[in-house]
């Protein structure tokens, strides 16, 4: 079994490769099964649309917190459209 590490300085991510990926996947599966058994709930996988919506909300929340930490305030831009790209008003 080979474990590779990136040759980097302090603060760089160390990549452990396939071994770490397998362990992480098994850990996730174990947590899902444990929750199902403990709380007696069914497994409901997220659809792609639900996942993307949740991911987008997480990213917006992260960016708002990061901007606030740096002293900025984010405000939503108008929807990207052909008119907006060409310099038209929103």
Protein backbone atom coordinates (compact mmCIF):
# COMPACT_ATOMS: atom_id res chain seq x y z
CA UNK A 1 0.00 0.00 0.00
CA UNK A 2 1.45 3.31 -1.07
CA UNK A 3 0.61 6.59 0.58
CA UNK A 4 1.69 9.70 -1.26
CA UNK A 5 2.16 13.11 0.28
CA UNK A 6 2.53 16.44 -1.46
CA UNK A 7 5.95 17.97 -1.04
CA UNK A 8 4.93 21.27 0.47
CA UNK A 9 5.74 23.51 3.34
CA UNK A 10 3.83 24.18 6.51
CA UNK A 11 0.14 24.85 6.00
CA UNK A 12 -0.20 22.93 2.75
CA UNK A 13 -2.69 20.12 2.50
CA UNK A 14 -1.32 16.64 2.77
CA UNK A 15 -2.95 14.26 0.31
CA UNK A 16 -3.22 10.70 1.52
CA UNK A 17 -4.93 9.43 -1.59
CA UNK A 18 -7.18 6.46 -2.05
CA UNK A 19 -6.84 5.07 1.48
CA UNK A 20 -8.21 8.24 3.05
CA UNK A 21 -11.02 8.43 0.48
CA UNK A 22 -12.15 4.88 1.28
CA UNK A 23 -12.10 5.56 5.02
CA UNK A 24 -14.07 8.79 4.58
CA UNK A 25 -16.69 7.06 2.43
CA UNK A 26 -17.11 4.22 4.92
CA UNK A 27 -17.37 6.71 7.78
CA UNK A 28 -20.13 8.57 5.96
CA UNK A 29 -22.00 5.34 5.30
CA UNK A 30 -21.67 4.32 8.95
CA UNK A 31 -23.05 7.67 10.13
CA UNK A 32 -26.05 7.38 7.79
CA UNK A 33 -26.84 3.84 8.93
CA UNK A 34 -26.38 4.78 12.60
CA UNK A 35 -28.80 7.70 12.27
CA UNK A 36 -31.35 5.50 10.51
CA UNK A 37 -31.18 2.85 13.24
CA UNK A 38 -31.04 5.23 16.20
CA UNK A 39 -33.95 7.46 15.15
CA UNK A 40 -35.84 4.83 13.14
CA UNK A 41 -36.02 6.98 10.02
CA UNK A 42 -35.96 6.06 6.35
CA UNK A 43 -33.13 7.01 4.04
CA UNK A 44 -34.07 9.90 1.75
CA UNK A 45 -31.30 10.79 -0.68
CA UNK A 46 -31.21 14.35 -1.98
CA UNK A 47 -31.99 14.98 -5.61
CA UNK A 48 -29.42 16.82 -7.66
CA UNK A 49 -31.55 19.97 -7.58
CA UNK A 50 -31.92 19.84 -3.79
CA UNK A 51 -28.18 19.27 -3.35
CA UNK A 52 -27.27 22.15 -5.65
CA UNK A 53 -29.73 24.47 -3.87
CA UNK A 54 -28.29 23.52 -0.46
CA UNK A 55 -24.71 23.92 -1.74
CA UNK A 56 -25.50 27.37 -3.18
CA UNK A 57 -27.07 28.49 0.11
CA UNK A 58 -23.96 27.31 2.00
CA UNK A 59 -21.67 29.20 -0.38
CA UNK A 60 -23.71 32.41 -0.06
CA UNK A 61 -23.66 32.14 3.74
CA UNK A 62 -19.89 31.57 3.72
CA UNK A 63 -19.29 34.54 1.39
CA UNK A 64 -21.48 36.82 3.53
CA UNK A 65 -19.54 35.84 6.67
CA UNK A 66 -16.20 36.27 4.91
CA UNK A 67 -17.22 39.69 3.55
CA UNK A 68 -18.42 40.81 6.99
CA UNK A 69 -15.13 39.69 8.52
CA UNK A 70 -13.29 41.84 5.99
CA UNK A 71 -15.61 44.81 6.58
CA UNK A 72 -17.74 44.50 3.45
CA UNK A 73 -21.45 44.01 2.89
CA UNK A 74 -22.70 41.78 0.10
CA UNK A 75 -25.85 42.54 -1.81
CA UNK A 76 -27.40 40.33 -4.48
CA UNK A 77 -26.83 41.40 -8.07
CA UNK A 78 -29.58 41.29 -10.63
CA UNK A 79 -30.02 37.98 -12.41
CA UNK A 80 -27.47 37.42 -15.14
CA UNK A 81 -29.21 37.89 -18.42
CA UNK A 82 -28.29 38.78 -21.96
CA UNK A 83 -29.56 42.34 -21.35
CA UNK A 84 -27.48 42.76 -18.20
CA UNK A 85 -24.35 41.45 -19.89
CA UNK A 86 -24.78 43.90 -22.77
CA UNK A 87 -24.96 46.82 -20.38
CA UNK A 88 -28.72 47.13 -20.05
CA UNK A 89 -30.45 47.95 -16.79
CA UNK A 90 -31.75 45.19 -14.56
